C-alpha cells in the first residue's frame, strides 16, 4: 500500500521530497528501499550512526557507515540511478 501511495504522490506532486528510511529496509519485504525508489521516493535516509549506539535501535544495523554507503551506491546503480553531488 505504501508503494502505491508513493507512486500516487509522485504523480500528483512531482516536486515534493518522498523519503525512504532505514525502517523501510527492515520492515518491508525484500528490497524495500529499492522498491520505494522505483515507486517515486527520491530521498534516502541512511544510518551513519556510530556503531556503539546500534544496540539502542529496534532494528539492528550490522554494517559500518562506509559499507552502508557502498551498498547503497550499488543498489542505486542497479536501478539506473546515481548519487548526485
PDB file of N, CA and C in Angstrom:
ATOM      1  N   UNK A   1       0.820  -1.195   0.000  1.00  0.00           N
ATOM      2  CA  UNK A   1       0.000   0.000   0.000  1.00  0.00           C
ATOM      3  C   UNK A   1       0.867   1.264   0.000  1.00  0.00           C
ATOM      4  N   UNK A   2       1.954   1.236   0.798  1.00  0.00           N
ATOM      5  CA  UNK A   2       2.822   2.414   0.883  1.00  0.00           C
ATOM      6  C   UNK A   2       3.458   2.737  -0.465  1.00  0.00           C
ATOM      7  N   UNK A   3       3.798   1.716  -1.231  1.00  0.00           N
ATOM      8  CA  UNK A   3       4.406   1.946  -2.542  1.00  0.00           C
ATOM      9  C   UNK A   3       3.409   2.590  -3.500  1.00  0.00           C
ATOM     10  N   UNK A   4       2.156   2.210  -3.397  1.00  0.00           N
ATOM     11  CA  UNK A   4       1.121   2.819  -4.240  1.00  0.00           C
ATOM     12  C   UNK A   4       0.936   4.289  -3.874  1.00  0.00           C
ATOM     13  N   UNK A   5       1.006   4.584  -2.586  1.00  0.00           N
ATOM     14  CA  UNK A   5       0.882   5.972  -2.139  1.00  0.00           C
ATOM     15  C   UNK A   5       2.083   6.790  -2.611  1.00  0.00           C
ATOM     16  N   UNK A   6       3.291   6.190  -2.555  1.00  0.00           N
ATOM     17  CA  UNK A   6       4.481   6.867  -3.091  1.00  0.00           C
ATOM     18  C   UNK A   6       4.269   7.231  -4.554  1.00  0.00           C
ATOM     19  N   UNK A   7       3.818   6.273  -5.331  1.00  0.00           N
ATOM     20  CA  UNK A   7       3.629   6.487  -6.767  1.00  0.00           C
ATOM     21  C   UNK A   7       2.566   7.558  -7.027  1.00  0.00           C
ATOM     22  N   UNK A   8       1.473   7.492  -6.303  1.00  0.00           N
ATOM     23  CA  UNK A   8       0.408   8.469  -6.475  1.00  0.00           C
ATOM     24  C   UNK A   8       0.878   9.880  -6.091  1.00  0.00           C
ATOM     25  N   UNK A   9       1.603   9.966  -4.971  1.00  0.00           N
ATOM     26  CA  UNK A   9       2.126  11.271  -4.543  1.00  0.00           C
ATOM     27  C   UNK A   9       3.097  11.836  -5.580  1.00  0.00           C
ATOM     28  N   UNK A  10       3.927  10.980  -6.153  1.00  0.00           N
ATOM     29  CA  UNK A  10       4.880  11.430  -7.164  1.00  0.00           C
ATOM     30  C   UNK A  10       4.157  11.969  -8.388  1.00  0.00           C
ATOM     31  N   UNK A  11       3.075  11.309  -8.794  1.00  0.00           N
ATOM     32  CA  UNK A  11       2.317  11.768  -9.955  1.00  0.00           C
ATOM     33  C   UNK A  11       1.577  13.075  -9.685  1.00  0.00           C
ATOM     34  N   UNK A  12       0.985  13.185  -8.506  1.00  0.00           N
ATOM     35  CA  UNK A  12       0.190  14.368  -8.180  1.00  0.00           C
ATOM     36  C   UNK A  12       1.039  15.564  -7.758  1.00  0.00           C
ATOM     37  N   UNK A  13       2.166  15.298  -7.109  1.00  0.00           N
ATOM     38  CA  UNK A  13       3.025  16.369  -6.588  1.00  0.00           C
ATOM     39  C   UNK A  13       4.477  16.093  -6.991  1.00  0.00           C
ATOM     40  N   UNK A  14       4.819  16.316  -8.252  1.00  0.00           N
ATOM     41  CA  UNK A  14       6.126  15.897  -8.758  1.00  0.00           C
ATOM     42  C   UNK A  14       7.339  16.591  -8.132  1.00  0.00           C
ATOM     43  N   UNK A  15       7.157  17.709  -7.460  1.00  0.00           N
ATOM     44  CA  UNK A  15       8.303  18.439  -6.903  1.00  0.00           C
ATOM     45  C   UNK A  15       8.566  18.158  -5.428  1.00  0.00           C
ATOM     46  N   UNK A  16       7.752  17.321  -4.791  1.00  0.00           N
ATOM     47  CA  UNK A  16       7.946  17.069  -3.365  1.00  0.00           C
ATOM     48  C   UNK A  16       9.050  16.040  -3.132  1.00  0.00           C
ATOM     49  N   UNK A  17       9.571  16.024  -1.914  1.00  0.00           N
ATOM     50  CA  UNK A  17      10.539  15.013  -1.498  1.00  0.00           C
ATOM     51  C   UNK A  17       9.798  13.878  -0.807  1.00  0.00           C
ATOM     52  N   UNK A  18      10.012  12.679  -1.273  1.00  0.00           N
ATOM     53  CA  UNK A  18       9.433  11.480  -0.665  1.00  0.00           C
ATOM     54  C   UNK A  18      10.603  10.638  -0.188  1.00  0.00           C
ATOM     55  N   UNK A  19      10.636  10.362   1.093  1.00  0.00           N
ATOM     56  CA  UNK A  19      11.795   9.679   1.648  1.00  0.00           C
ATOM     57  C   UNK A  19      11.583   8.184   1.842  1.00  0.00           C
ATOM     58  N   UNK A  20      12.694   7.481   1.827  1.00  0.00           N
ATOM     59  CA  UNK A  20      12.716   6.079   2.205  1.00  0.00           C
ATOM     60  C   UNK A  20      13.725   5.965   3.344  1.00  0.00           C
ATOM     61  N   UNK A  21      13.305   5.396   4.451  1.00  0.00           N
ATOM     62  CA  UNK A  21      14.101   5.403   5.672  1.00  0.00           C
ATOM     63  C   UNK A  21      14.697   4.031   5.956  1.00  0.00           C
ATOM     64  N   UNK A  22      15.452   3.960   7.031  1.00  0.00           N
ATOM     65  CA  UNK A  22      16.054   2.698   7.451  1.00  0.00           C
ATOM     66  C   UNK A  22      14.969   1.672   7.783  1.00  0.00           C
ATOM     67  N   UNK A  23      13.841   2.125   8.300  1.00  0.00           N
ATOM     68  CA  UNK A  23      12.762   1.192   8.633  1.00  0.00           C
ATOM     69  C   UNK A  23      12.212   0.506   7.390  1.00  0.00           C
ATOM     70  N   UNK A  24      12.191   1.199   6.278  1.00  0.00           N
ATOM     71  CA  UNK A  24      11.704   0.602   5.028  1.00  0.00           C
ATOM     72  C   UNK A  24      12.543  -0.619   4.670  1.00  0.00           C
ATOM     73  N   UNK A  25      13.835  -0.541   4.953  1.00  0.00           N
ATOM     74  CA  UNK A  25      14.731  -1.646   4.630  1.00  0.00           C
ATOM     75  C   UNK A  25      14.434  -2.868   5.495  1.00  0.00           C
ATOM     76  N   UNK A  26      14.122  -2.665   6.756  1.00  0.00           N
ATOM     77  CA  UNK A  26      13.981  -3.779   7.676  1.00  0.00           C
ATOM     78  C   UNK A  26      12.545  -4.255   7.877  1.00  0.00           C
ATOM     79  N   UNK A  27      11.574  -3.399   7.703  1.00  0.00           N
ATOM     80  CA  UNK A  27      10.185  -3.778   7.989  1.00  0.00           C
ATOM     81  C   UNK A  27       9.449  -4.334   6.781  1.00  0.00           C
ATOM     82  N   UNK A  28       9.825  -3.908   5.608  1.00  0.00           N
ATOM     83  CA  UNK A  28       9.096  -4.352   4.427  1.00  0.00           C
ATOM     84  C   UNK A  28       9.747  -5.593   3.826  1.00  0.00           C
ATOM     85  N   UNK A  29       9.120  -6.081   2.788  1.00  0.00           N
ATOM     86  CA  UNK A  29       9.650  -7.258   2.122  1.00  0.00           C
ATOM     87  C   UNK A  29      11.024  -6.975   1.526  1.00  0.00           C
ATOM     88  N   UNK A  30      11.629  -7.975   0.959  1.00  0.00           N
ATOM     89  CA  UNK A  30      12.978  -7.845   0.400  1.00  0.00           C
ATOM     90  C   UNK A  30      13.057  -6.683  -0.586  1.00  0.00           C
ATOM     91  N   UNK A  31      14.155  -5.967  -0.531  1.00  0.00           N
ATOM     92  CA  UNK A  31      14.406  -4.826  -1.414  1.00  0.00           C
ATOM     93  C   UNK A  31      13.416  -3.683  -1.212  1.00  0.00           C
ATOM     94  N   UNK A  32      13.023  -3.441   0.021  1.00  0.00           N
ATOM     95  CA  UNK A  32      12.041  -2.399   0.316  1.00  0.00           C
ATOM     96  C   UNK A  32      12.469  -1.013  -0.125  1.00  0.00           C
ATOM     97  N   UNK A  33      13.722  -0.664   0.122  1.00  0.00           N
ATOM     98  CA  UNK A  33      14.199   0.664  -0.293  1.00  0.00           C
ATOM     99  C   UNK A  33      14.235   0.790  -1.809  1.00  0.00           C
ATOM    100  N   UNK A  34      14.700  -0.251  -2.459  1.00  0.00           N
ATOM    101  CA  UNK A  34      14.788  -0.220  -3.922  1.00  0.00           C
ATOM    102  C   UNK A  34      13.394  -0.038  -4.524  1.00  0.00           C
ATOM    103  N   UNK A  35      12.416  -0.765  -3.996  1.00  0.00           N
ATOM    104  CA  UNK A  35      11.044  -0.643  -4.492  1.00  0.00           C
ATOM    105  C   UNK A  35      10.476   0.748  -4.220  1.00  0.00           C
ATOM    106  N   UNK A  36      10.818   1.314  -3.061  1.00  0.00           N
ATOM    107  CA  UNK A  36      10.341   2.665  -2.739  1.00  0.00           C
ATOM    108  C   UNK A  36      10.915   3.683  -3.720  1.00  0.00           C
ATOM    109  N   UNK A  37      12.196   3.555  -4.044  1.00  0.00           N
ATOM    110  CA  UNK A  37      12.814   4.468  -5.011  1.00  0.00           C
ATOM    111  C   UNK A  37      12.195   4.312  -6.392  1.00  0.00           C
ATOM    112  N   UNK A  38      11.894   3.079  -6.763  1.00  0.00           N
ATOM    113  CA  UNK A  38      11.298   2.836  -8.070  1.00  0.00           C
ATOM    114  C   UNK A  38       9.846   3.304  -8.141  1.00  0.00           C
ATOM    115  N   UNK A  39       9.189   3.442  -6.987  1.00  0.00           N
ATOM    116  CA  UNK A  39       7.795   3.872  -6.995  1.00  0.00           C
ATOM    117  C   UNK A  39       7.624   5.366  -6.755  1.00  0.00           C
ATOM    118  N   UNK A  40       8.732   6.116  -6.655  1.00  0.00           N
ATOM    119  CA  UNK A  40       8.583   7.563  -6.554  1.00  0.00           C
ATOM    120  C   UNK A  40       9.376   8.240  -5.462  1.00  0.00           C
ATOM    121  N   UNK A  41       9.911   7.504  -4.500  1.00  0.00           N
ATOM    122  CA  UNK A  41      10.720   8.138  -3.453  1.00  0.00           C
ATOM    123  C   UNK A  41      11.988   8.706  -4.075  1.00  0.00           C
ATOM    124  N   UNK A  42      12.457   9.819  -3.524  1.00  0.00           N
ATOM    125  CA  UNK A  42      13.652  10.440  -4.078  1.00  0.00           C
ATOM    126  C   UNK A  42      14.630  10.924  -3.009  1.00  0.00           C
ATOM    127  N   UNK A  43      14.387  10.584  -1.754  1.00  0.00           N
ATOM    128  CA  UNK A  43      15.273  10.949  -0.664  1.00  0.00           C
ATOM    129  C   UNK A  43      15.552   9.693   0.152  1.00  0.00           C
ATOM    130  N   UNK A  44      16.828   9.432   0.403  1.00  0.00           N
ATOM    131  CA  UNK A  44      17.208   8.256   1.173  1.00  0.00           C
ATOM    132  C   UNK A  44      17.814   8.702   2.484  1.00  0.00           C
ATOM    133  N   UNK A  45      17.366   8.104   3.557  1.00  0.00           N
ATOM    134  CA  UNK A  45      17.926   8.397   4.866  1.00  0.00           C
ATOM    135  C   UNK A  45      18.774   7.202   5.271  1.00  0.00           C
ATOM    136  N   UNK A  46      20.080   7.374   5.223  1.00  0.00           N
ATOM    137  CA  UNK A  46      20.999   6.318   5.606  1.00  0.00           C
ATOM    138  C   UNK A  46      21.341   6.445   7.080  1.00  0.00           C
ATOM    139  N   UNK A  47      21.653   5.335   7.702  1.00  0.00           N
ATOM    140  CA  UNK A  47      22.096   5.369   9.085  1.00  0.00           C
ATOM    141  C   UNK A  47      23.610   5.367   9.109  1.00  0.00           C
ATOM    142  N   UNK A  48      24.186   6.457   9.557  1.00  0.00           N
ATOM    143  CA  UNK A  48      25.643   6.540   9.703  1.00  0.00           C
ATOM    144  C   UNK A  48      25.988   6.773  11.172  1.00  0.00           C
ATOM    145  N   UNK A  49      25.130   6.278  12.027  1.00  0.00           N
ATOM    146  CA  UNK A  49      25.306   6.407  13.463  1.00  0.00           C
ATOM    147  C   UNK A  49      26.490   5.564  13.928  1.00  0.00           C
ATOM    148  N   UNK A  50      27.203   6.042  14.910  1.00  0.00           N
ATOM    149  CA  UNK A  50      28.312   5.317  15.498  1.00  0.00           C
ATOM    150  C   UNK A  50      27.850   3.930  15.934  1.00  0.00           C
ATOM    151  N   UNK A  51      28.649   2.910  15.692  1.00  0.00           N
ATOM    152  CA  UNK A  51      28.280   1.516  15.955  1.00  0.00           C
ATOM    153  C   UNK A  51      27.896   1.263  17.412  1.00  0.00           C
ATOM    154  N   UNK A  52      28.469   1.999  18.347  1.00  0.00           N
ATOM    155  CA  UNK A  52      28.150   1.744  19.762  1.00  0.00           C
ATOM    156  C   UNK A  52      26.695   2.069  20.100  1.00  0.00           C
ATOM    157  N   UNK A  53      26.018   2.856  19.279  1.00  0.00           N
ATOM    158  CA  UNK A  53      24.623   3.191  19.532  1.00  0.00           C
ATOM    159  C   UNK A  53      23.647   2.239  18.844  1.00  0.00           C
ATOM    160  N   UNK A  54      24.141   1.343  18.032  1.00  0.00           N
ATOM    161  CA  UNK A  54      23.262   0.430  17.302  1.00  0.00           C
ATOM    162  C   UNK A  54      22.450  -0.473  18.224  1.00  0.00           C
ATOM    163  N   UNK A  55      22.958  -0.741  19.404  1.00  0.00           N
ATOM    164  CA  UNK A  55      22.225  -1.570  20.364  1.00  0.00           C
ATOM    165  C   UNK A  55      20.910  -0.917  20.795  1.00  0.00           C
ATOM    166  N   UNK A  56      20.808   0.383  20.654  1.00  0.00           N
ATOM    167  CA  UNK A  56      19.595   1.097  21.049  1.00  0.00           C
ATOM    168  C   UNK A  56      18.500   1.012  19.994  1.00  0.00           C
ATOM    169  N   UNK A  57      18.852   0.591  18.788  1.00  0.00           N
ATOM    170  CA  UNK A  57      17.887   0.516  17.701  1.00  0.00           C
ATOM    171  C   UNK A  57      17.009  -0.719  17.833  1.00  0.00           C
ATOM    172  N   UNK A  58      15.759  -0.574  17.456  1.00  0.00           N
ATOM    173  CA  UNK A  58      14.876  -1.730  17.398  1.00  0.00           C
ATOM    174  C   UNK A  58      15.331  -2.650  16.263  1.00  0.00           C
ATOM    175  N   UNK A  59      15.740  -2.072  15.157  1.00  0.00           N
ATOM    176  CA  UNK A  59      16.247  -2.818  14.012  1.00  0.00           C
ATOM    177  C   UNK A  59      17.764  -2.724  14.049  1.00  0.00           C
ATOM    178  N   UNK A  60      18.427  -3.830  14.251  1.00  0.00           N
ATOM    179  CA  UNK A  60      19.885  -3.831  14.390  1.00  0.00           C
ATOM    180  C   UNK A  60      20.560  -3.541  13.052  1.00  0.00           C
ATOM    181  N   UNK A  61      21.580  -2.734  13.088  1.00  0.00           N
ATOM    182  CA  UNK A  61      22.359  -2.368  11.912  1.00  0.00           C
ATOM    183  C   UNK A  61      23.716  -3.043  12.057  1.00  0.00           C
ATOM    184  N   UNK A  62      24.031  -3.930  11.148  1.00  0.00           N
ATOM    185  CA  UNK A  62      25.262  -4.709  11.259  1.00  0.00           C
ATOM    186  C   UNK A  62      26.276  -4.318  10.198  1.00  0.00           C
ATOM    187  N   UNK A  63      26.485  -3.042   9.997  1.00  0.00           N
ATOM    188  CA  UNK A  63      27.432  -2.596   8.984  1.00  0.00           C
ATOM    189  C   UNK A  63      28.019  -1.254   9.390  1.00  0.00           C
ATOM    190  N   UNK A  64      29.203  -0.977   8.879  1.00  0.00           N
ATOM    191  CA  UNK A  64      29.841   0.311   9.123  1.00  0.00           C
ATOM    192  C   UNK A  64      29.224   1.342   8.183  1.00  0.00           C
ATOM    193  N   UNK A  65      29.359   2.630   8.498  1.00  0.00           N
ATOM    194  CA  UNK A  65      28.827   3.652   7.591  1.00  0.00           C
ATOM    195  C   UNK A  65      29.376   3.526   6.170  1.00  0.00           C
ATOM    196  N   UNK A  66      30.660   3.194   6.030  1.00  0.00           N
ATOM    197  CA  UNK A  66      31.239   3.041   4.700  1.00  0.00           C
ATOM    198  C   UNK A  66      30.592   1.890   3.937  1.00  0.00           C
ATOM    199  N   UNK A  67      30.370   0.767   4.619  1.00  0.00           N
ATOM    200  CA  UNK A  67      29.727  -0.384   3.972  1.00  0.00           C
ATOM    201  C   UNK A  67      28.285  -0.044   3.579  1.00  0.00           C
ATOM    202  N   UNK A  68      27.581   0.686   4.431  1.00  0.00           N
ATOM    203  CA  UNK A  68      26.215   1.107   4.120  1.00  0.00           C
ATOM    204  C   UNK A  68      26.215   1.977   2.871  1.00  0.00           C
ATOM    205  N   UNK A  69      27.149   2.916   2.797  1.00  0.00           N
ATOM    206  CA  UNK A  69      27.244   3.806   1.642  1.00  0.00           C
ATOM    207  C   UNK A  69      27.553   3.027   0.366  1.00  0.00           C
ATOM    208  N   UNK A  70      28.510   2.110   0.432  1.00  0.00           N
ATOM    209  CA  UNK A  70      28.882   1.306  -0.739  1.00  0.00           C
ATOM    210  C   UNK A  70      27.706   0.461  -1.210  1.00  0.00           C
ATOM    211  N   UNK A  71      27.013  -0.179  -0.281  1.00  0.00           N
ATOM    212  CA  UNK A  71      25.841  -0.994  -0.648  1.00  0.00           C
ATOM    213  C   UNK A  71      24.735  -0.142  -1.252  1.00  0.00           C
ATOM    214  N   UNK A  72      24.552   1.042  -0.696  1.00  0.00           N
ATOM    215  CA  UNK A  72      23.532   1.947  -1.206  1.00  0.00           C
ATOM    216  C   UNK A  72      23.860   2.393  -2.624  1.00  0.00           C
ATOM    217  N   UNK A  73      25.121   2.756  -2.851  1.00  0.00           N
ATOM    218  CA  UNK A  73      25.537   3.189  -4.178  1.00  0.00           C
ATOM    219  C   UNK A  73      25.361   2.057  -5.193  1.00  0.00           C
ATOM    220  N   UNK A  74      25.672   0.838  -4.800  1.00  0.00           N
ATOM    221  CA  UNK A  74      25.486  -0.333  -5.666  1.00  0.00           C
ATOM    222  C   UNK A  74      23.999  -0.521  -6.003  1.00  0.00           C
ATOM    223  N   UNK A  75      23.127  -0.377  -4.983  1.00  0.00           N
ATOM    224  CA  UNK A  75      21.691  -0.531  -5.209  1.00  0.00           C
ATOM    225  C   UNK A  75      21.175   0.526  -6.187  1.00  0.00           C
ATOM    226  N   UNK A  76      21.655   1.753  -6.055  1.00  0.00           N
ATOM    227  CA  UNK A  76      21.233   2.810  -6.962  1.00  0.00           C
ATOM    228  C   UNK A  76      21.640   2.509  -8.402  1.00  0.00           C
ATOM    229  N   UNK A  77      22.834   2.021  -8.580  1.00  0.00           N
ATOM    230  CA  UNK A  77      23.287   1.676  -9.932  1.00  0.00           C
ATOM    231  C   UNK A  77      22.439   0.564 -10.525  1.00  0.00           C
ATOM    232  N   UNK A  78      22.003  -0.380  -9.705  1.00  0.00           N
ATOM    233  CA  UNK A  78      21.154  -1.480 -10.195  1.00  0.00           C
ATOM    234  C   UNK A  78      19.843  -0.967 -10.777  1.00  0.00           C
ATOM    235  N   UNK A  79      19.337   0.127 -10.243  1.00  0.00           N
ATOM    236  CA  UNK A  79      18.072   0.651 -10.753  1.00  0.00           C
ATOM    237  C   UNK A  79      18.276   1.821 -11.723  1.00  0.00           C
ATOM    238  N   UNK A  80      19.541   2.042 -12.114  1.00  0.00           N
ATOM    239  CA  UNK A  80      19.824   3.044 -13.126  1.00  0.00           C
ATOM    240  C   UNK A  80      19.953   4.467 -12.623  1.00  0.00           C
ATOM    241  N   UNK A  81      20.294   4.653 -11.355  1.00  0.00           N
ATOM    242  CA  UNK A  81      20.482   5.973 -10.783  1.00  0.00           C
ATOM    243  C   UNK A  81      21.872   6.100 -10.207  1.00  0.00           C
ATOM    244  N   UNK A  82      22.197   7.294  -9.745  1.00  0.00           N
ATOM    245  CA  UNK A  82      23.472   7.520  -9.088  1.00  0.00           C
ATOM    246  C   UNK A  82      23.287   8.619  -8.063  1.00  0.00           C
ATOM    247  N   UNK A  83      24.258   8.766  -7.192  1.00  0.00           N
ATOM    248  CA  UNK A  83      24.202   9.803  -6.161  1.00  0.00           C
ATOM    249  C   UNK A  83      24.577  11.140  -6.788  1.00  0.00           C
ATOM    250  N   UNK A  84      23.751  12.140  -6.569  1.00  0.00           N
ATOM    251  CA  UNK A  84      24.070  13.463  -7.122  1.00  0.00           C
ATOM    252  C   UNK A  84      25.033  14.165  -6.167  1.00  0.00           C
ATOM    253  N   UNK A  85      25.970  14.930  -6.725  1.00  0.00           N
ATOM    254  CA  UNK A  85      26.966  15.608  -5.873  1.00  0.00           C
ATOM    255  C   UNK A  85      26.335  16.734  -5.058  1.00  0.00           C
TER     256      UNK A  85
END
